[in-house]
Amino acid sequence: MQLPTLLTQHIARRPQRIALLQHIAEQGSITRAAKSAGISYKAAWDSIDELNNLAQTPLVERSVGGKGGGGARLSVAGERVMRLYQRLQALQSQVLDAAEDASDLDLLGRLMLRTSARNQLHGSVKAIHSHGHNDLIELQLPGGLTLHAQITHDSTQRLELNLDTPVVALIKAGWLQLTAPDQPLLAGHNLLRGRIEQILDADHSPSEVRISLPSGQTLCALSEPQHLETLQLTVGSEVNVQFSPTLVLLGTPL
């Protein structure tokens, strides 16, 4: 099984998140792994969600609510990533020796930018439908899920999008609309069905809602507590996640 290019690049530039996998393997718990890694419990969840979303299959298998904050272990794919990470560590000194000047590494750091979008879903281009100056890009996600992004035709060409091109779909948490399964669907919107895994309340701000998709990927949405209460959405509830194709940003490997 070959690791996705986008996940491989992420491993190279975000080693601290991959190192969390080692702590999970050793501790068997997200809470204990976070403490061992010197990060917060929430930061650990965010890291795991991001890694799982970029992989074809989840790297970490979790059981929420167990002793010590829930059990966790590496999947077969997660163990494979750990082996790759260990090989990358061995090659790190060779890369540093190959750099002719410190500015070379600075340039690479600027080219590999982080993003503020909480939701980063790995997929590939399934189809491209032209509509005047815009293109509707149909993406294939793990687990047979599909997603649509509307971008300009110029953006399609600049990103060099073709069938099977690997991409990451970026969607900000505040752009996701949560609705109950029995509510009407929004015309022309993306629809992903999942189950609420966790609700993190915050003072004087929307709650952070983590939604597990059938593919094993996780979405993060922001929703007012009153909205969740009105729809009777709680942990364990099935939920529809809807968002316009115009709110989906696309990224490709450099």
C-alpha atoms as a PDB file:
ATOM      1  CA  MET A   1       0.000   0.000   0.000  1.00  0.00           C
ATOM      2  CA  GLN A   2       1.550   3.286  -1.106  1.00  0.00           C
ATOM      3  CA  LEU A   3       1.079   6.280   1.159  1.00  0.00           C
ATOM      4  CA  PRO A   4      -0.683   9.305  -0.411  1.00  0.00           C
ATOM      5  CA  THR A   5       1.735  11.977  -1.649  1.00  0.00           C
ATOM      6  CA  LEU A   6       0.035  14.669   0.448  1.00  0.00           C
ATOM      7  CA  LEU A   7       0.376  12.597   3.617  1.00  0.00           C
ATOM      8  CA  THR A   8       4.036  11.890   2.855  1.00  0.00           C
ATOM      9  CA  GLN A   9       4.734  15.624   2.435  1.00  0.00           C
ATOM     10  CA  HIS A  10       2.900  16.338   5.685  1.00  0.00           C
ATOM     11  CA  ILE A  11       5.121  13.833   7.500  1.00  0.00           C
ATOM     12  CA  ALA A  12       8.218  15.586   6.184  1.00  0.00           C
ATOM     13  CA  ARG A  13       7.208  19.076   7.306  1.00  0.00           C
ATOM     14  CA  ARG A  14       5.195  18.326  10.493  1.00  0.00           C
ATOM     15  CA  PRO A  15       7.258  15.696  12.348  1.00  0.00           C
ATOM     16  CA  GLN A  16       5.897  16.720  15.757  1.00  0.00           C
ATOM     17  CA  ARG A  17       2.442  15.488  14.771  1.00  0.00           C
ATOM     18  CA  ILE A  18       3.786  12.196  13.497  1.00  0.00           C
ATOM     19  CA  ALA A  19       5.761  11.808  16.731  1.00  0.00           C
ATOM     20  CA  LEU A  20       2.391  11.823  18.517  1.00  0.00           C
ATOM     21  CA  LEU A  21       1.700   8.455  16.884  1.00  0.00           C
ATOM     22  CA  GLN A  22       4.648   6.981  18.772  1.00  0.00           C
ATOM     23  CA  HIS A  23       3.258   8.269  22.066  1.00  0.00           C
ATOM     24  CA  ILE A  24      -0.144   6.733  21.251  1.00  0.00           C
ATOM     25  CA  ALA A  25       1.489   3.400  20.451  1.00  0.00           C
ATOM     26  CA  GLU A  26       3.307   3.496  23.780  1.00  0.00           C
ATOM     27  CA  GLN A  27       0.537   4.897  25.992  1.00  0.00           C
ATOM     28  CA  GLY A  28      -2.627   3.375  24.489  1.00  0.00           C
ATOM     29  CA  SER A  29      -4.588   6.509  25.357  1.00  0.00           C
ATOM     30  CA  ILE A  30      -5.006   9.920  23.759  1.00  0.00           C
ATOM     31  CA  THR A  31      -4.976  11.632  27.154  1.00  0.00           C
ATOM     32  CA  ARG A  32      -1.748   9.949  28.264  1.00  0.00           C
ATOM     33  CA  ALA A  33      -0.178  10.362  24.810  1.00  0.00           C
ATOM     34  CA  ALA A  34      -0.927  14.114  24.859  1.00  0.00           C
ATOM     35  CA  LYS A  35       0.647  14.444  28.311  1.00  0.00           C
ATOM     36  CA  SER A  36       3.690  12.462  27.211  1.00  0.00           C
ATOM     37  CA  ALA A  37       4.053  14.628  24.082  1.00  0.00           C
ATOM     38  CA  GLY A  38       3.695  17.844  26.096  1.00  0.00           C
ATOM     39  CA  ILE A  39       0.568  19.065  24.274  1.00  0.00           C
ATOM     40  CA  SER A  40      -3.054  19.617  25.252  1.00  0.00           C
ATOM     41  CA  TYR A  41      -5.731  16.960  24.864  1.00  0.00           C
ATOM     42  CA  LYS A  42      -7.496  19.146  22.270  1.00  0.00           C
ATOM     43  CA  ALA A  43      -4.279  19.631  20.287  1.00  0.00           C
ATOM     44  CA  ALA A  44      -3.816  15.862  20.236  1.00  0.00           C
ATOM     45  CA  TRP A  45      -7.331  15.363  18.868  1.00  0.00           C
ATOM     46  CA  ASP A  46      -6.723  18.023  16.205  1.00  0.00           C
ATOM     47  CA  SER A  47      -3.484  16.345  15.145  1.00  0.00           C
ATOM     48  CA  ILE A  48      -5.076  12.907  14.915  1.00  0.00           C
ATOM     49  CA  ASP A  49      -8.043  14.235  12.931  1.00  0.00           C
ATOM     50  CA  GLU A  50      -5.728  15.961  10.458  1.00  0.00           C
ATOM     51  CA  LEU A  51      -3.595  12.847   9.974  1.00  0.00           C
ATOM     52  CA  ASN A  52      -6.626  10.580   9.577  1.00  0.00           C
ATOM     53  CA  ASN A  53      -8.195  12.950   7.055  1.00  0.00           C
ATOM     54  CA  LEU A  54      -5.079  12.979   4.889  1.00  0.00           C
ATOM     55  CA  ALA A  55      -4.729   9.193   4.883  1.00  0.00           C
ATOM     56  CA  GLN A  56      -6.683   6.674   2.816  1.00  0.00           C
ATOM     57  CA  THR A  57      -7.638   4.853   6.023  1.00  0.00           C
ATOM     58  CA  PRO A  58      -7.500   6.114   9.637  1.00  0.00           C
ATOM     59  CA  LEU A  59      -4.076   5.953  11.243  1.00  0.00           C
ATOM     60  CA  VAL A  60      -5.454   5.885  14.788  1.00  0.00           C
ATOM     61  CA  GLU A  61      -8.314   3.727  16.031  1.00  0.00           C
ATOM     62  CA  ARG A  62     -10.146   5.285  18.980  1.00  0.00           C
ATOM     63  CA  SER A  63     -12.749   4.328  21.557  1.00  0.00           C
ATOM     64  CA  VAL A  64     -14.249   7.538  22.969  1.00  0.00           C
ATOM     65  CA  GLY A  65     -15.039   7.895  26.649  1.00  0.00           C
ATOM     66  CA  GLY A  66     -12.981   5.058  28.046  1.00  0.00           C
ATOM     67  CA  LYS A  67     -10.805   5.151  31.139  1.00  0.00           C
ATOM     68  CA  GLY A  68      -8.319   7.978  30.928  1.00  0.00           C
ATOM     69  CA  GLY A  69     -10.195   9.756  28.127  1.00  0.00           C
ATOM     70  CA  GLY A  70     -10.643   6.837  25.743  1.00  0.00           C
ATOM     71  CA  GLY A  71      -8.383   4.123  24.421  1.00  0.00           C
ATOM     72  CA  ALA A  72      -6.373   4.531  21.239  1.00  0.00           C
ATOM     73  CA  ARG A  73      -4.026   2.433  19.147  1.00  0.00           C
ATOM     74  CA  LEU A  74      -2.332   2.615  15.780  1.00  0.00           C
ATOM     75  CA  SER A  75      -3.996   0.934  12.829  1.00  0.00           C
ATOM     76  CA  VAL A  76      -2.000  -1.087  10.310  1.00  0.00           C
ATOM     77  CA  ALA A  77      -1.718   2.105   8.223  1.00  0.00           C
ATOM     78  CA  GLY A  78      -0.574   4.021  11.298  1.00  0.00           C
ATOM     79  CA  GLU A  79       2.197   1.532  11.975  1.00  0.00           C
ATOM     80  CA  ARG A  80       3.304   1.909   8.348  1.00  0.00           C
ATOM     81  CA  VAL A  81       3.466   5.689   8.737  1.00  0.00           C
ATOM     82  CA  MET A  82       5.554   5.272  11.881  1.00  0.00           C
ATOM     83  CA  ARG A  83       8.084   3.164   9.969  1.00  0.00           C
ATOM     84  CA  LEU A  84       8.239   5.828   7.261  1.00  0.00           C
ATOM     85  CA  TYR A  85       8.752   8.526   9.887  1.00  0.00           C
ATOM     86  CA  GLN A  86      11.636   6.607  11.383  1.00  0.00           C
ATOM     87  CA  ARG A  87      13.269   6.332   7.945  1.00  0.00           C
ATOM     88  CA  LEU A  88      12.766  10.082   7.393  1.00  0.00           C
ATOM     89  CA  GLN A  89      14.512  10.798  10.684  1.00  0.00           C
ATOM     90  CA  ALA A  90      17.488   8.782   9.465  1.00  0.00           C
ATOM     91  CA  LEU A  91      17.586  10.849   6.269  1.00  0.00           C
ATOM     92  CA  GLN A  92      17.240  14.228   8.005  1.00  0.00           C
ATOM     93  CA  SER A  93      20.963  14.733   8.545  1.00  0.00           C
ATOM     94  CA  GLN A  94      21.623  13.979   4.868  1.00  0.00           C
ATOM     95  CA  VAL A  95      19.126  16.677   3.819  1.00  0.00           C
ATOM     96  CA  LEU A  96      20.769  19.236   6.116  1.00  0.00           C
ATOM     97  CA  ASP A  97      24.185  18.383   4.697  1.00  0.00           C
ATOM     98  CA  ALA A  98      22.879  18.793   1.132  1.00  0.00           C
ATOM     99  CA  ALA A  99      21.649  22.352   1.754  1.00  0.00           C
ATOM    100  CA  GLU A 100      24.244  24.742   0.391  1.00  0.00           C
ATOM    101  CA  ASP A 101      22.993  27.621   2.495  1.00  0.00           C
ATOM    102  CA  ALA A 102      20.584  28.159   5.406  1.00  0.00           C
ATOM    103  CA  SER A 103      18.398  30.260   3.090  1.00  0.00           C
ATOM    104  CA  ASP A 104      17.635  27.103   1.101  1.00  0.00           C
ATOM    105  CA  LEU A 105      15.780  25.645   4.069  1.00  0.00           C
ATOM    106  CA  ASP A 106      14.040  28.960   4.765  1.00  0.00           C
ATOM    107  CA  LEU A 107      12.737  28.991   1.194  1.00  0.00           C
ATOM    108  CA  LEU A 108      11.376  25.472   1.516  1.00  0.00           C
ATOM    109  CA  GLY A 109       9.630  26.457   4.734  1.00  0.00           C
ATOM    110  CA  ARG A 110       7.876  29.363   2.994  1.00  0.00           C
ATOM    111  CA  LEU A 111       6.775  27.131   0.117  1.00  0.00           C
ATOM    112  CA  MET A 112       5.191  24.580   2.479  1.00  0.00           C
ATOM    113  CA  LEU A 113       2.581  26.784   4.107  1.00  0.00           C
ATOM    114  CA  ARG A 114       0.203  25.828   6.890  1.00  0.00           C
ATOM    115  CA  THR A 115      -3.490  26.696   6.597  1.00  0.00           C
ATOM    116  CA  SER A 116      -6.064  27.966   9.080  1.00  0.00           C
ATOM    117  CA  ALA A 117      -8.816  25.769   7.595  1.00  0.00           C
ATOM    118  CA  ARG A 118      -9.766  23.176  10.227  1.00  0.00           C
ATOM    119  CA  ASN A 119     -11.080  20.657   7.706  1.00  0.00           C
ATOM    120  CA  GLN A 120      -8.538  19.196   5.286  1.00  0.00           C
ATOM    121  CA  LEU A 121      -9.908  16.215   3.383  1.00  0.00           C
ATOM    122  CA  HIS A 122      -7.669  14.140   1.137  1.00  0.00           C
ATOM    123  CA  GLY A 123      -9.107  13.001  -2.212  1.00  0.00           C
ATOM    124  CA  SER A 124      -8.559  12.922  -5.944  1.00  0.00           C
ATOM    125  CA  VAL A 125     -10.211  14.521  -8.965  1.00  0.00           C
ATOM    126  CA  LYS A 126     -13.030  12.330 -10.303  1.00  0.00           C
ATOM    127  CA  ALA A 127     -14.473  14.694 -12.923  1.00  0.00           C
ATOM    128  CA  ILE A 128     -14.262  18.299 -14.134  1.00  0.00           C
ATOM    129  CA  HIS A 129     -17.441  20.006 -15.364  1.00  0.00           C
ATOM    130  CA  SER A 130     -17.029  23.359 -17.129  1.00  0.00           C
ATOM    131  CA  HIS A 131     -19.598  26.128 -16.558  1.00  0.00           C
ATOM    132  CA  GLY A 132     -18.490  29.298 -18.324  1.00  0.00           C
ATOM    133  CA  HIS A 133     -15.625  30.897 -16.413  1.00  0.00           C
ATOM    134  CA  ASN A 134     -15.993  28.376 -13.573  1.00  0.00           C
ATOM    135  CA  ASP A 135     -15.360  24.656 -13.207  1.00  0.00           C
ATOM    136  CA  LEU A 136     -17.191  22.267 -10.920  1.00  0.00           C
ATOM    137  CA  ILE A 137     -14.571  19.828  -9.642  1.00  0.00           C
ATOM    138  CA  GLU A 138     -15.918  16.479  -8.472  1.00  0.00           C
ATOM    139  CA  LEU A 139     -13.674  14.868  -5.880  1.00  0.00           C
ATOM    140  CA  GLN A 140     -13.492  11.251  -4.807  1.00  0.00           C
ATOM    141  CA  LEU A 141     -12.903  10.875  -1.057  1.00  0.00           C
ATOM    142  CA  PRO A 142     -12.018   7.702   0.843  1.00  0.00           C
ATOM    143  CA  GLY A 143     -14.940   5.393   1.544  1.00  0.00           C
ATOM    144  CA  GLY A 144     -16.696   6.224  -1.723  1.00  0.00           C
ATOM    145  CA  LEU A 145     -17.703   9.733  -0.605  1.00  0.00           C
ATOM    146  CA  THR A 146     -17.866  12.537  -3.153  1.00  0.00           C
ATOM    147  CA  LEU A 147     -17.403  16.272  -2.822  1.00  0.00           C
ATOM    148  CA  HIS A 148     -17.797  19.201  -5.222  1.00  0.00           C
ATOM    149  CA  ALA A 149     -15.723  22.371  -5.364  1.00  0.00           C
ATOM    150  CA  GLN A 150     -16.439  25.340  -7.633  1.00  0.00           C
ATOM    151  CA  ILE A 151     -13.336  27.222  -8.751  1.00  0.00           C
ATOM    152  CA  THR A 152     -12.472  29.385 -11.736  1.00  0.00           C
ATOM    153  CA  HIS A 153     -11.217  27.772 -14.928  1.00  0.00           C
ATOM    154  CA  ASP A 154      -7.965  29.707 -14.462  1.00  0.00           C
ATOM    155  CA  SER A 155      -7.540  28.049 -11.044  1.00  0.00           C
ATOM    156  CA  THR A 156      -8.102  24.632 -12.597  1.00  0.00           C
ATOM    157  CA  GLN A 157      -5.302  25.309 -15.059  1.00  0.00           C
ATOM    158  CA  ARG A 158      -2.979  26.848 -12.458  1.00  0.00           C
ATOM    159  CA  LEU A 159      -3.384  23.823 -10.185  1.00  0.00           C
ATOM    160  CA  GLU A 160      -2.938  21.546 -13.227  1.00  0.00           C
ATOM    161  CA  LEU A 161      -6.021  19.557 -12.283  1.00  0.00           C
ATOM    162  CA  ASN A 162      -6.739  16.424 -14.290  1.00  0.00           C
ATOM    163  CA  LEU A 163      -8.490  13.141 -13.595  1.00  0.00           C
ATOM    164  CA  ASP A 164      -6.956  11.351 -10.596  1.00  0.00           C
ATOM    165  CA  THR A 165      -4.909  14.403  -9.512  1.00  0.00           C
ATOM    166  CA  PRO A 166      -4.443  14.156  -5.709  1.00  0.00           C
ATOM    167  CA  VAL A 167      -5.882  17.178  -3.893  1.00  0.00           C
ATOM    168  CA  VAL A 168      -6.779  18.394  -0.431  1.00  0.00           C
ATOM    169  CA  ALA A 169     -10.166  20.046   0.052  1.00  0.00           C
ATOM    170  CA  LEU A 170      -9.998  22.869   2.611  1.00  0.00           C
ATOM    171  CA  ILE A 171     -13.199  23.923   4.380  1.00  0.00           C
ATOM    172  CA  LYS A 172     -13.357  26.292   7.335  1.00  0.00           C
ATOM    173  CA  ALA A 173     -15.304  25.036  10.334  1.00  0.00           C
ATOM    174  CA  GLY A 174     -17.628  28.049  10.302  1.00  0.00           C
ATOM    175  CA  TRP A 175     -18.750  27.293   6.730  1.00  0.00           C
ATOM    176  CA  LEU A 176     -20.369  23.966   7.623  1.00  0.00           C
ATOM    177  CA  GLN A 177     -24.116  23.930   8.250  1.00  0.00           C
ATOM    178  CA  LEU A 178     -25.449  21.225  10.549  1.00  0.00           C
ATOM    179  CA  THR A 179     -28.978  19.939  10.017  1.00  0.00           C
ATOM    180  CA  ALA A 180     -30.997  17.030  11.363  1.00  0.00           C
ATOM    181  CA  PRO A 181     -31.392  13.983   9.055  1.00  0.00           C
ATOM    182  CA  ASP A 182     -35.122  14.679   8.598  1.00  0.00           C
ATOM    183  CA  GLN A 183     -34.662  18.317   7.535  1.00  0.00           C
ATOM    184  CA  PRO A 184     -34.849  19.426   3.861  1.00  0.00           C
ATOM    185  CA  LEU A 185     -31.578  19.421   1.939  1.00  0.00           C
ATOM    186  CA  LEU A 186     -30.106  22.617   0.534  1.00  0.00           C
ATOM    187  CA  ALA A 187     -30.169  22.657  -3.268  1.00  0.00           C
ATOM    188  CA  GLY A 188     -26.755  22.593  -4.914  1.00  0.00           C
ATOM    189  CA  HIS A 189     -24.893  22.041  -1.651  1.00  0.00           C
ATOM    190  CA  ASN A 190     -22.477  19.314  -0.697  1.00  0.00           C
ATOM    191  CA  LEU A 191     -23.938  16.779   1.700  1.00  0.00           C
ATOM    192  CA  LEU A 192     -21.905  14.587   4.024  1.00  0.00           C
ATOM    193  CA  ARG A 193     -23.663  12.401   6.562  1.00  0.00           C
ATOM    194  CA  GLY A 194     -21.975  11.516   9.815  1.00  0.00           C
ATOM    195  CA  ARG A 195     -22.329  11.043  13.550  1.00  0.00           C
ATOM    196  CA  ILE A 196     -21.493  13.579  16.252  1.00  0.00           C
ATOM    197  CA  GLU A 197     -18.445  12.324  18.103  1.00  0.00           C
ATOM    198  CA  GLN A 198     -17.800  15.211  20.465  1.00  0.00           C
ATOM    199  CA  ILE A 199     -19.160  18.651  21.359  1.00  0.00           C
ATOM    200  CA  LEU A 200     -16.745  21.116  22.948  1.00  0.00           C
ATOM    201  CA  ASP A 201     -18.518  24.081  24.499  1.00  0.00           C
ATOM    202  CA  ALA A 202     -16.827  27.459  24.815  1.00  0.00           C
ATOM    203  CA  ASP A 203     -17.857  30.543  26.790  1.00  0.00           C
ATOM    204  CA  HIS A 204     -19.524  33.253  24.687  1.00  0.00           C
ATOM    205  CA  SER A 205     -18.721  31.511  21.385  1.00  0.00           C
ATOM    206  CA  PRO A 206     -20.080  28.699  19.184  1.00  0.00           C
ATOM    207  CA  SER A 207     -19.538  25.116  20.213  1.00  0.00           C
ATOM    208  CA  GLU A 208     -16.979  23.029  18.348  1.00  0.00           C
ATOM    209  CA  VAL A 209     -18.646  19.916  16.965  1.00  0.00           C
ATOM    210  CA  ARG A 210     -16.566  16.944  15.789  1.00  0.00           C
ATOM    211  CA  ILE A 211     -18.326  14.731  13.276  1.00  0.00           C
ATOM    212  CA  SER A 212     -17.143  11.254  12.314  1.00  0.00           C
ATOM    213  CA  LEU A 213     -17.739  10.303   8.657  1.00  0.00           C
ATOM    214  CA  PRO A 214     -18.264   6.697   7.478  1.00  0.00           C
ATOM    215  CA  SER A 215     -14.862   6.925   5.749  1.00  0.00           C
ATOM    216  CA  GLY A 216     -13.106   7.409   9.099  1.00  0.00           C
ATOM    217  CA  GLN A 217     -12.378  11.071   8.359  1.00  0.00           C
ATOM    218  CA  THR A 218     -13.472  13.730  10.832  1.00  0.00           C
ATOM    219  CA  LEU A 219     -15.088  17.104  10.261  1.00  0.00           C
ATOM    220  CA  CYS A 220     -14.985  20.034  12.657  1.00  0.00           C
ATOM    221  CA  ALA A 221     -17.962  22.438  12.599  1.00  0.00           C
ATOM    222  CA  LEU A 222     -18.918  25.492  14.645  1.00  0.00           C
ATOM    223  CA  SER A 223     -22.513  25.745  15.816  1.00  0.00           C
ATOM    224  CA  GLU A 224     -24.414  27.802  18.366  1.00  0.00           C
ATOM    225  CA  PRO A 225     -25.543  25.715  21.379  1.00  0.00           C
ATOM    226  CA  GLN A 226     -29.123  26.907  20.884  1.00  0.00           C
ATOM    227  CA  HIS A 227     -29.094  25.604  17.301  1.00  0.00           C
ATOM    228  CA  LEU A 228     -27.900  22.193  18.476  1.00  0.00           C
ATOM    229  CA  GLU A 229     -30.541  22.140  21.208  1.00  0.00           C
ATOM    230  CA  THR A 230     -33.322  23.101  18.789  1.00  0.00           C
ATOM    231  CA  LEU A 231     -32.360  20.266  16.427  1.00  0.00           C
ATOM    232  CA  GLN A 232     -31.827  17.896  19.382  1.00  0.00           C
ATOM    233  CA  LEU A 233     -28.309  17.171  18.211  1.00  0.00           C
ATOM    234  CA  THR A 234     -26.139  15.601  20.900  1.00  0.00           C
ATOM    235  CA  VAL A 235     -23.132  13.290  21.046  1.00  0.00           C
ATOM    236  CA  GLY A 236     -24.034  10.144  19.129  1.00  0.00           C
ATOM    237  CA  SER A 237     -26.676  11.858  16.957  1.00  0.00           C
ATOM    238  CA  GLU A 238     -26.674  11.353  13.208  1.00  0.00           C
ATOM    239  CA  VAL A 239     -26.247  14.679  11.435  1.00  0.00           C
ATOM    240  CA  ASN A 240     -26.182  16.139   7.936  1.00  0.00           C
ATOM    241  CA  VAL A 241     -23.308  18.464   7.093  1.00  0.00           C
ATOM    242  CA  GLN A 242     -24.011  20.804   4.173  1.00  0.00           C
ATOM    243  CA  PHE A 243     -21.895  23.467   2.499  1.00  0.00           C
ATOM    244  CA  SER A 244     -21.719  25.225  -0.850  1.00  0.00           C
ATOM    245  CA  PRO A 245     -19.156  24.088  -3.484  1.00  0.00           C
ATOM    246  CA  THR A 246     -18.025  27.738  -3.655  1.00  0.00           C
ATOM    247  CA  LEU A 247     -16.728  27.421  -0.062  1.00  0.00           C
ATOM    248  CA  VAL A 248     -14.407  24.517  -0.835  1.00  0.00           C
ATOM    249  CA  LEU A 249     -10.777  25.513  -1.431  1.00  0.00           C
ATOM    250  CA  LEU A 250      -8.436  23.120  -3.234  1.00  0.00           C
ATOM    251  CA  GLY A 251      -4.753  22.478  -2.733  1.00  0.00           C
ATOM    252  CA  THR A 252      -2.331  20.257  -4.647  1.00  0.00           C
ATOM    253  CA  PRO A 253       1.191  18.952  -3.956  1.00  0.00           C
ATOM    254  CA  LEU A 254       4.026  21.302  -4.874  1.00  0.00           C
END
